[in-house]
């Protein structure tokens, strides 16, 4: 690994380098073959894997209680049941609602959030399902697809009165590296939306010039030379959807579709010429709709793809940078949680997915995903050090800690086309020392904002 230093011959700044390892293999659809399978298989796989994990936590939670299936519940008997939550929602959209909108003279109002006070939860395992009651388990917090352990008892009405709940909790985390003598930065940007009315080509070009070291004085350029990685978290282009109606396109319409992609490639080529670059697909990009989204085809980027620093990645995307683990999405999983549950802010949704050990619990119920048969790629086997989501309304960040000493930096990346803002992460670990000079915690330095 090369350190940033001044070339003694040409007096030029040399960009720092870092050790990069891609962890996207779990999100690649390679040997999977669709044979008409139903989505029940991914639920079975999720329950099987998560139940094994939760069973291992029960001895430290309530070892004195027996574990029962739904079918074995007895009225008044205290026990623990483990299963998948299903959320019955009064306002949940359905195809029949779409049909009624077309037939109705007065258009129906489409709510931003589909939660309702009358929503209730059901727990399901292989033996059956039971309706849940009690104030401990709030329907507004959970969504269909969560796997949990519940302590309670069956009632005479055939319900299960919940007294306590156990979630999987944050997964194990690799030990963070100690502080390096070198300062390094990672830049996150999302929602470029090149081709949309909100996109500003000059703003994007200023951003490219800034991180590539073509703007500012020697001090600003020296900071730019410390950027070791750029991550574009989805929605890089926006093509006119009205043209995609299944009809043959005229030559001028074909040009309208390709121009935004060509413009992105020109700008990304300038970045890839000097900085390692990861690009993730988003909901508006020319990629598959369902999660996990596969890498954007390299033929879309004939200029930038010629550099070995250019990487087309999956969504979700995971990688290690100098032994620091990153995990993130283009925002679909958190945006879907916002529709079908409630929280004070977006960061609370991120924290919940970590504590549930699952990136996208609503998939495939309300969030499109591939019908995997024997695995669930969204399960988190290890805890990231940095967890980010793209295409959000504003920048937010928070540091959370797990019960076993895990430390995670949560980041919401705002849409660049609307805010002109990218997020810069100072890639360094600081070790606090108490008066006894013993390490007590490790944490990320504050995330900084860069606005053009």
Protein backbone atom coordinates (compact mmCIF):
# COMPACT_ATOMS: atom_id res chain seq x y z
CA UNK A 1 0.00 0.00 0.00
CA UNK A 2 1.36 3.37 -0.98
CA UNK A 3 1.22 6.36 1.34
CA UNK A 4 0.39 9.89 0.25
CA UNK A 5 3.60 11.79 -0.29
CA UNK A 6 5.07 14.43 -2.56
CA UNK A 7 6.92 13.21 -5.61
CA UNK A 8 10.43 14.68 -5.08
CA UNK A 9 11.03 14.88 -8.85
CA UNK A 10 7.80 16.39 -10.16
CA UNK A 11 6.54 17.85 -6.86
CA UNK A 12 3.19 16.11 -7.43
CA UNK A 13 0.89 14.72 -4.78
CA UNK A 14 0.50 10.94 -4.85
CA UNK A 15 -2.91 9.51 -4.02
CA UNK A 16 -3.07 7.14 -1.09
CA UNK A 17 -4.14 3.55 -1.57
CA UNK A 18 -6.05 1.04 0.53
CA UNK A 19 -6.66 -2.69 0.58
CA UNK A 20 -10.11 -3.47 -0.92
CA UNK A 21 -12.02 -6.78 -0.72
CA UNK A 22 -15.44 -7.21 -2.33
CA UNK A 23 -18.03 -9.21 -0.34
CA UNK A 24 -20.82 -9.10 -2.94
CA UNK A 25 -20.72 -12.79 -3.81
CA UNK A 26 -23.62 -13.54 -1.46
CA UNK A 27 -25.81 -11.10 -3.39
CA UNK A 28 -24.98 -12.47 -6.84
CA UNK A 29 -27.61 -14.56 -8.63
CA UNK A 30 -25.38 -17.04 -10.41
CA UNK A 31 -26.39 -20.66 -10.03
CA UNK A 32 -29.95 -19.81 -9.05
CA UNK A 33 -32.52 -20.94 -11.62
CA UNK A 34 -36.13 -19.87 -11.63
CA UNK A 35 -38.41 -22.87 -12.09
CA UNK A 36 -41.67 -21.32 -11.08
CA UNK A 37 -40.94 -21.63 -7.35
CA UNK A 38 -43.06 -19.72 -4.87
CA UNK A 39 -41.85 -17.23 -2.27
CA UNK A 40 -42.72 -19.56 0.61
CA UNK A 41 -39.28 -21.16 0.21
CA UNK A 42 -37.40 -18.02 1.21
CA UNK A 43 -39.61 -17.70 4.31
CA UNK A 44 -38.86 -21.33 5.26
CA UNK A 45 -35.13 -20.75 4.77
CA UNK A 46 -35.24 -17.54 6.82
CA UNK A 47 -37.16 -19.15 9.68
CA UNK A 48 -34.87 -22.19 9.75
CA UNK A 49 -31.69 -20.11 9.91
CA UNK A 50 -32.97 -17.46 12.30
CA UNK A 51 -34.60 -19.98 14.63
CA UNK A 52 -31.30 -21.83 15.06
CA UNK A 53 -29.69 -18.51 15.96
CA UNK A 54 -32.44 -17.49 18.40
CA UNK A 55 -32.41 -20.92 20.08
CA UNK A 56 -28.74 -20.33 20.88
CA UNK A 57 -29.72 -17.10 22.68
CA UNK A 58 -32.51 -18.59 24.80
CA UNK A 59 -30.26 -20.06 27.57
CA UNK A 60 -29.06 -16.53 28.40
CA UNK A 61 -32.57 -15.06 28.12
CA UNK A 62 -35.13 -17.25 29.94
CA UNK A 63 -33.75 -20.77 30.32
CA UNK A 64 -36.45 -21.78 32.79
CA UNK A 65 -39.26 -21.54 30.20
CA UNK A 66 -40.16 -24.35 27.79
CA UNK A 67 -40.13 -23.75 24.04
CA UNK A 68 -43.37 -24.65 22.27
CA UNK A 69 -44.76 -24.61 18.76
CA UNK A 70 -47.99 -22.80 17.96
CA UNK A 71 -49.85 -26.10 17.78
CA UNK A 72 -48.66 -27.12 21.27
CA UNK A 73 -49.83 -23.96 23.05
CA UNK A 74 -51.91 -24.57 26.19
CA UNK A 75 -54.18 -22.00 27.80
CA UNK A 76 -52.48 -20.21 30.69
CA UNK A 77 -49.16 -22.05 30.28
CA UNK A 78 -46.09 -19.79 30.23
CA UNK A 79 -43.80 -20.67 27.33
CA UNK A 80 -41.65 -19.34 24.48
CA UNK A 81 -42.60 -19.56 20.83
CA UNK A 82 -40.33 -18.75 17.89
CA UNK A 83 -41.68 -17.88 14.47
CA UNK A 84 -42.20 -15.36 11.69
CA UNK A 85 -44.36 -12.29 12.25
CA UNK A 86 -47.15 -11.44 9.84
CA UNK A 87 -48.67 -7.97 10.04
CA UNK A 88 -52.35 -7.66 9.14
CA UNK A 89 -52.76 -4.13 7.81
CA UNK A 90 -56.01 -2.37 7.11
CA UNK A 91 -54.48 0.11 4.64
CA UNK A 92 -52.08 -2.25 2.88
CA UNK A 93 -52.44 -1.80 -0.91
CA UNK A 94 -53.74 -4.70 -2.98
CA UNK A 95 -54.44 -5.36 -6.62
CA UNK A 96 -58.16 -5.10 -5.89
CA UNK A 97 -57.60 -1.55 -4.62
CA UNK A 98 -55.84 -0.69 -7.88
CA UNK A 99 -58.80 -2.07 -9.82
CA UNK A 100 -61.28 -0.08 -7.73
CA UNK A 101 -59.32 3.11 -8.39
CA UNK A 102 -59.75 2.61 -12.10
CA UNK A 103 -63.49 2.01 -11.68
CA UNK A 104 -64.08 4.79 -9.17
CA UNK A 105 -65.20 8.28 -10.22
CA UNK A 106 -63.40 9.88 -7.26
CA UNK A 107 -59.68 9.11 -6.99
CA UNK A 108 -58.56 7.49 -3.76
CA UNK A 109 -55.92 9.24 -1.68
CA UNK A 110 -52.62 7.33 -1.61
CA UNK A 111 -51.13 7.61 1.90
CA UNK A 112 -47.40 7.95 2.49
CA UNK A 113 -47.58 5.50 5.38
CA UNK A 114 -49.94 2.52 5.49
CA UNK A 115 -49.98 1.89 9.25
CA UNK A 116 -53.31 2.03 11.10
CA UNK A 117 -54.27 1.76 14.80
CA UNK A 118 -56.26 -1.41 14.00
CA UNK A 119 -53.21 -3.28 12.64
CA UNK A 120 -52.29 -6.44 14.52
CA UNK A 121 -49.56 -9.08 14.46
CA UNK A 122 -49.68 -12.83 13.94
CA UNK A 123 -46.88 -15.28 14.65
CA UNK A 124 -46.50 -18.25 12.34
CA UNK A 125 -44.38 -21.40 12.34
CA UNK A 126 -44.63 -24.70 10.47
CA UNK A 127 -47.40 -25.95 12.78
CA UNK A 128 -49.78 -22.99 12.55
CA UNK A 129 -50.38 -19.37 13.39
CA UNK A 130 -51.69 -17.44 16.38
CA UNK A 131 -52.85 -13.85 16.86
CA UNK A 132 -50.73 -11.79 19.24
CA UNK A 133 -52.02 -9.50 21.99
CA UNK A 134 -50.45 -7.25 24.58
CA UNK A 135 -48.71 -3.90 24.79
CA UNK A 136 -45.14 -5.24 24.68
CA UNK A 137 -45.20 -5.97 20.94
CA UNK A 138 -46.15 -2.83 19.00
CA UNK A 139 -47.53 -3.46 15.48
CA UNK A 140 -46.22 -0.06 14.38
CA UNK A 141 -42.61 -1.17 14.95
CA UNK A 142 -42.55 -4.57 13.24
CA UNK A 143 -43.28 -5.72 9.70
CA UNK A 144 -44.11 -8.97 8.01
CA UNK A 145 -41.05 -11.19 7.84
CA UNK A 146 -39.46 -10.55 11.24
CA UNK A 147 -38.34 -13.72 13.06
CA UNK A 148 -38.53 -13.33 16.85
CA UNK A 149 -38.93 -15.28 20.10
CA UNK A 150 -41.92 -14.38 22.28
CA UNK A 151 -42.55 -15.11 25.95
CA UNK A 152 -46.18 -15.30 26.95
CA UNK A 153 -49.18 -17.56 27.32
CA UNK A 154 -52.20 -18.63 25.34
CA UNK A 155 -55.57 -17.15 26.32
CA UNK A 156 -59.05 -18.58 26.30
CA UNK A 157 -59.86 -16.56 23.20
CA UNK A 158 -57.23 -18.44 21.20
CA UNK A 159 -54.74 -15.53 21.26
CA UNK A 160 -51.21 -15.37 22.62
CA UNK A 161 -50.58 -12.71 25.26
CA UNK A 162 -47.03 -11.46 24.78
CA UNK A 163 -45.08 -10.54 27.92
CA UNK A 164 -41.58 -10.19 26.47
CA UNK A 165 -39.76 -10.34 23.14
CA UNK A 166 -36.29 -11.46 22.07
CA UNK A 167 -34.73 -10.25 18.82
CA UNK A 168 -31.60 -11.66 17.24
CA UNK A 169 -29.57 -8.55 18.10
CA UNK A 170 -26.51 -7.20 16.32
CA UNK A 171 -24.42 -9.97 14.72
CA UNK A 172 -20.78 -10.56 15.71
CA UNK A 173 -18.35 -7.90 14.50
CA UNK A 174 -14.75 -8.13 13.38
CA UNK A 175 -12.31 -6.31 15.61
CA UNK A 176 -11.68 -2.79 14.40
CA UNK A 177 -8.14 -1.89 13.37
CA UNK A 178 -6.23 0.57 15.48
CA UNK A 179 -5.63 4.08 14.29
CA UNK A 180 -3.42 4.32 11.25
CA UNK A 181 -0.76 6.95 10.87
CA UNK A 182 -2.32 7.87 7.52
CA UNK A 183 -5.47 9.93 7.05
CA UNK A 184 -7.86 8.40 4.51
CA UNK A 185 -11.33 9.32 3.31
CA UNK A 186 -14.25 7.50 1.71
CA UNK A 187 -16.78 9.53 -0.31
CA UNK A 188 -20.43 8.46 -0.56
CA UNK A 189 -22.81 10.00 -3.09
CA UNK A 190 -26.21 8.92 -4.40
CA UNK A 191 -29.15 10.20 -6.42
CA UNK A 192 -27.15 11.82 -9.22
CA UNK A 193 -30.25 11.41 -11.42
CA UNK A 194 -28.47 12.56 -14.56
CA UNK A 195 -31.14 13.28 -17.17
CA UNK A 196 -33.76 14.53 -14.71
CA UNK A 197 -34.98 18.11 -14.36
CA UNK A 198 -33.32 18.40 -10.94
CA UNK A 199 -29.89 17.34 -12.22
CA UNK A 200 -27.29 20.10 -12.56
CA UNK A 201 -24.37 19.09 -14.84
CA UNK A 202 -22.18 21.92 -13.53
CA UNK A 203 -22.75 20.82 -9.95
CA UNK A 204 -21.75 17.25 -10.74
CA UNK A 205 -18.67 18.42 -12.64
CA UNK A 206 -17.60 20.56 -9.68
CA UNK A 207 -17.96 17.53 -7.46
CA UNK A 208 -15.80 15.44 -9.80
CA UNK A 209 -13.15 18.17 -10.03
CA UNK A 210 -13.14 18.58 -6.25
CA UNK A 211 -12.52 14.92 -5.33
CA UNK A 212 -10.09 14.38 -8.20
CA UNK A 213 -7.91 17.29 -7.04
CA UNK A 214 -8.47 19.71 -9.91
CA UNK A 215 -9.88 22.46 -7.69
CA UNK A 216 -8.51 24.43 -4.75
CA UNK A 217 -5.09 25.26 -3.42
CA UNK A 218 -2.36 22.88 -2.30
CA UNK A 219 -4.07 22.21 1.02
CA UNK A 220 -7.41 21.30 -0.60
CA UNK A 221 -5.64 19.11 -3.14
CA UNK A 222 -3.71 17.31 -0.41
CA UNK A 223 -7.03 16.40 1.24
CA UNK A 224 -8.40 15.20 -2.12
CA UNK A 225 -5.31 12.99 -2.46
CA UNK A 226 -6.36 11.21 0.73
CA UNK A 227 -9.65 9.98 -0.80
CA UNK A 228 -9.16 6.25 -1.33
CA UNK A 229 -12.67 5.17 -2.35
CA UNK A 230 -15.81 6.63 -3.96
CA UNK A 231 -19.17 4.82 -3.60
CA UNK A 232 -22.17 5.79 -5.75
CA UNK A 233 -25.24 4.39 -4.00
CA UNK A 234 -27.84 4.12 -6.76
CA UNK A 235 -30.01 6.25 -9.04
CA UNK A 236 -27.19 7.56 -11.20
CA UNK A 237 -29.43 8.16 -14.22
CA UNK A 238 -33.06 8.94 -14.87
CA UNK A 239 -34.46 8.02 -18.27
CA UNK A 240 -37.84 9.29 -19.58
CA UNK A 241 -40.25 6.57 -18.44
CA UNK A 242 -42.85 7.62 -20.99
CA UNK A 243 -40.70 6.24 -23.76
CA UNK A 244 -40.63 2.75 -22.25
CA UNK A 245 -44.08 1.63 -23.37
CA UNK A 246 -43.12 -1.54 -25.23
CA UNK A 247 -43.21 0.10 -28.64
CA UNK A 248 -40.32 0.41 -31.10
CA UNK A 249 -38.38 3.61 -30.51
CA UNK A 250 -37.49 6.15 -33.14
CA UNK A 251 -33.83 7.10 -33.46
CA UNK A 252 -34.35 10.41 -31.66
CA UNK A 253 -36.07 8.63 -28.75
CA UNK A 254 -33.23 6.11 -28.55
CA UNK A 255 -30.85 9.04 -28.23
CA UNK A 256 -32.92 10.48 -25.37
CA UNK A 257 -32.59 7.17 -23.53
CA UNK A 258 -28.85 6.81 -24.04
CA UNK A 259 -27.72 10.40 -23.48
CA UNK A 260 -27.99 10.36 -19.64
CA UNK A 261 -25.94 7.16 -19.48
CA UNK A 262 -23.30 8.59 -21.81
CA UNK A 263 -23.08 11.72 -19.66
CA UNK A 264 -22.63 9.67 -16.50
CA UNK A 265 -19.92 7.59 -18.15
CA UNK A 266 -17.97 10.70 -19.14
CA UNK A 267 -17.97 11.98 -15.56
CA UNK A 268 -17.27 8.60 -13.98
CA UNK A 269 -14.31 8.17 -16.31
CA UNK A 270 -12.76 11.27 -14.76
CA UNK A 271 -13.19 9.75 -11.28
CA UNK A 272 -12.02 6.25 -12.19
CA UNK A 273 -8.88 7.69 -13.78
CA UNK A 274 -7.59 8.52 -10.31
CA UNK A 275 -9.81 7.02 -7.57
CA UNK A 276 -11.26 3.53 -7.02
CA UNK A 277 -14.97 3.75 -7.78
CA UNK A 278 -17.91 1.50 -6.82
CA UNK A 279 -21.27 2.07 -8.53
CA UNK A 280 -24.44 0.42 -7.25
CA UNK A 281 -27.74 0.15 -9.11
CA UNK A 282 -30.84 1.87 -7.76
CA UNK A 283 -34.59 1.73 -8.43
CA UNK A 284 -34.31 4.20 -11.34
CA UNK A 285 -31.23 2.68 -12.97
CA UNK A 286 -31.28 0.27 -15.95
CA UNK A 287 -31.06 -2.84 -13.76
CA UNK A 288 -33.37 -5.57 -12.49
CA UNK A 289 -36.15 -4.33 -10.22
CA UNK A 290 -36.08 -7.00 -7.52
CA UNK A 291 -33.46 -7.24 -4.79
CA UNK A 292 -30.66 -8.09 -4.81
CA UNK A 293 -30.06 -5.89 -7.84
CA UNK A 294 -27.27 -7.22 -10.02
CA UNK A 295 -24.34 -5.05 -11.18
CA UNK A 296 -24.98 -2.59 -13.97
CA UNK A 297 -23.57 -4.03 -17.18
CA UNK A 298 -20.11 -2.74 -17.99
CA UNK A 299 -21.12 -2.07 -21.60
CA UNK A 300 -23.11 0.91 -20.26
CA UNK A 301 -19.80 2.52 -19.27
CA UNK A 302 -17.38 2.06 -22.17
CA UNK A 303 -15.11 4.82 -20.90
CA UNK A 304 -14.90 4.24 -17.14
CA UNK A 305 -15.02 0.43 -17.41
CA UNK A 306 -11.62 0.44 -19.09
CA UNK A 307 -10.02 1.33 -15.73
CA UNK A 308 -9.36 -1.40 -13.19
CA UNK A 309 -10.44 1.07 -10.50
CA UNK A 310 -14.04 0.90 -11.79
CA UNK A 311 -16.28 -1.68 -10.13
CA UNK A 312 -19.93 -2.31 -10.95
CA UNK A 313 -21.43 -3.74 -7.75
CA UNK A 314 -24.63 -5.27 -6.45
CA UNK A 315 -27.32 -3.64 -4.35
CA UNK A 316 -26.98 -4.41 -1.43
CA UNK A 317 -23.24 -3.86 -1.51
CA UNK A 318 -20.64 -5.04 1.01
CA UNK A 319 -16.87 -4.63 1.05
CA UNK A 320 -13.85 -4.40 3.34
CA UNK A 321 -11.53 -1.41 3.16
CA UNK A 322 -8.36 -1.74 5.21
CA UNK A 323 -10.18 -4.37 7.32
CA UNK A 324 -13.10 -2.02 7.96
CA UNK A 325 -16.41 -3.55 6.86
CA UNK A 326 -18.95 -1.53 4.89
CA UNK A 327 -22.53 -2.55 4.10
CA UNK A 328 -25.16 -0.49 2.34
CA UNK A 329 -28.10 -0.29 -0.04
CA UNK A 330 -29.53 2.23 -2.45
CA UNK A 331 -32.38 2.83 0.01
CA UNK A 332 -35.21 0.55 -1.13
CA UNK A 333 -35.22 -1.54 2.05
CA UNK A 334 -35.46 1.46 4.37
CA UNK A 335 -37.97 3.31 2.18
CA UNK A 336 -40.21 0.25 2.30
CA UNK A 337 -39.94 0.02 6.09
CA UNK A 338 -41.01 3.66 6.26
CA UNK A 339 -44.23 2.81 4.41
CA UNK A 340 -45.24 -0.14 6.58
CA UNK A 341 -43.94 0.80 10.04
CA UNK A 342 -43.19 3.90 12.07
CA UNK A 343 -40.05 5.43 13.58
CA UNK A 344 -38.76 8.83 14.66
CA UNK A 345 -36.24 9.01 11.79
CA UNK A 346 -34.62 6.96 9.04
CA UNK A 347 -31.68 6.02 11.26
CA UNK A 348 -34.07 4.19 13.58
CA UNK A 349 -35.05 1.95 10.66
CA UNK A 350 -31.38 1.22 9.96
CA UNK A 351 -30.82 0.31 13.58
CA UNK A 352 -33.83 -2.02 13.57
CA UNK A 353 -32.57 -3.96 10.56
CA UNK A 354 -29.27 -4.48 12.37
CA UNK A 355 -30.97 -5.68 15.55
CA UNK A 356 -33.20 -7.96 13.47
CA UNK A 357 -30.06 -9.19 11.63
CA UNK A 358 -31.90 -8.80 8.35
CA UNK A 359 -31.42 -6.18 5.63
CA UNK A 360 -34.93 -6.42 4.17
CA UNK A 361 -37.54 -8.15 6.37
CA UNK A 362 -40.49 -6.93 4.18
CA UNK A 363 -39.09 -8.85 1.19
CA UNK A 364 -40.86 -10.49 -0.56
CA UNK A 365 -44.15 -9.33 1.02
CA UNK A 366 -44.01 -5.64 0.10
CA UNK A 367 -40.50 -5.39 -1.36
CA UNK A 368 -39.60 -7.22 -4.54
CA UNK A 369 -36.88 -9.87 -4.27
CA UNK A 370 -35.70 -12.94 -6.12
CA UNK A 371 -37.46 -16.18 -4.99
CA UNK A 372 -34.48 -17.93 -3.40
CA UNK A 373 -35.16 -21.54 -2.45
CA UNK A 374 -32.49 -22.63 0.05
CA UNK A 375 -31.01 -19.38 1.37
CA UNK A 376 -31.83 -15.81 2.33
CA UNK A 377 -29.01 -13.48 1.20
CA UNK A 378 -30.33 -10.61 3.30
CA UNK A 379 -29.47 -12.26 6.61
CA UNK A 380 -26.53 -10.53 8.31
CA UNK A 381 -23.89 -13.00 9.42
CA UNK A 382 -21.42 -10.30 10.50
CA UNK A 383 -21.92 -6.77 11.74
CA UNK A 384 -20.60 -3.96 9.54
CA UNK A 385 -18.57 -1.08 10.94
CA UNK A 386 -20.30 1.33 8.53
CA UNK A 387 -23.92 0.85 7.42
CA UNK A 388 -25.19 3.30 4.77
CA UNK A 389 -28.27 3.87 2.63
CA UNK A 390 -28.61 6.14 -0.38
CA UNK A 391 -31.25 8.37 -1.95
CA UNK A 392 -32.59 9.96 1.22
CA UNK A 393 -34.12 13.40 1.76
CA UNK A 394 -31.32 14.65 3.99
CA UNK A 395 -28.03 13.70 5.59
CA UNK A 396 -28.24 11.94 8.96
CA UNK A 397 -25.74 9.92 10.97
CA UNK A 398 -25.60 8.15 14.31
CA UNK A 399 -23.28 5.83 16.20
CA UNK A 400 -24.86 2.76 17.81
CA UNK A 401 -23.38 0.11 20.08
CA UNK A 402 -24.35 -3.52 20.52
CA UNK A 403 -24.50 -5.67 23.64
CA UNK A 404 -21.23 -7.40 22.75
CA UNK A 405 -19.25 -4.24 22.07
CA UNK A 406 -20.22 -3.80 18.41
CA UNK A 407 -19.89 -0.24 17.14
CA UNK A 408 -21.63 0.81 13.92
CA UNK A 409 -21.73 4.15 12.12
CA UNK A 410 -25.14 4.66 10.46
CA UNK A 411 -25.27 7.03 7.47
CA UNK A 412 -28.15 8.39 5.38
CA UNK A 413 -26.82 9.75 2.07
CA UNK A 414 -28.93 12.56 0.57
CA UNK A 415 -29.87 12.78 -3.10
CA UNK A 416 -27.09 14.73 -4.79
CA UNK A 417 -29.30 16.14 -7.57
CA UNK A 418 -31.48 17.89 -4.97
CA UNK A 419 -28.97 18.80 -2.26
CA UNK A 420 -25.59 18.98 -4.00
CA UNK A 421 -24.22 17.08 -1.00
CA UNK A 422 -21.92 14.10 -0.70
CA UNK A 423 -20.85 12.40 2.53
CA UNK A 424 -17.17 12.10 3.44
CA UNK A 425 -16.14 9.50 6.01
CA UNK A 426 -12.85 9.92 7.81
CA UNK A 427 -11.47 6.38 7.65
CA UNK A 428 -9.79 6.15 11.03
CA UNK A 429 -10.46 4.34 14.29
CA UNK A 430 -9.79 6.12 17.55
CA UNK A 431 -9.20 4.13 20.73
CA UNK A 432 -10.34 5.84 23.92
CA UNK A 433 -8.26 5.28 27.02
CA UNK A 434 -9.60 5.55 30.55
CA UNK A 435 -7.45 6.77 33.40
CA UNK A 436 -6.24 3.20 33.79
CA UNK A 437 -4.94 3.46 30.22
CA UNK A 438 -7.02 0.41 29.24
CA UNK A 439 -9.00 0.49 25.95
CA UNK A 440 -12.67 1.05 26.73
CA UNK A 441 -14.24 1.59 23.33
CA UNK A 442 -13.57 2.13 19.67
CA UNK A 443 -15.58 4.40 17.44
CA UNK A 444 -15.67 6.21 14.13
CA UNK A 445 -14.69 9.83 13.83
CA UNK A 446 -17.64 12.07 12.92
CA UNK A 447 -18.82 11.96 9.35
CA UNK A 448 -18.23 15.20 7.46
CA UNK A 449 -20.32 16.81 4.75
CA UNK A 450 -19.06 18.10 1.45
CA UNK A 451 -21.36 20.42 -0.47
CA UNK A 452 -20.70 21.75 -3.94
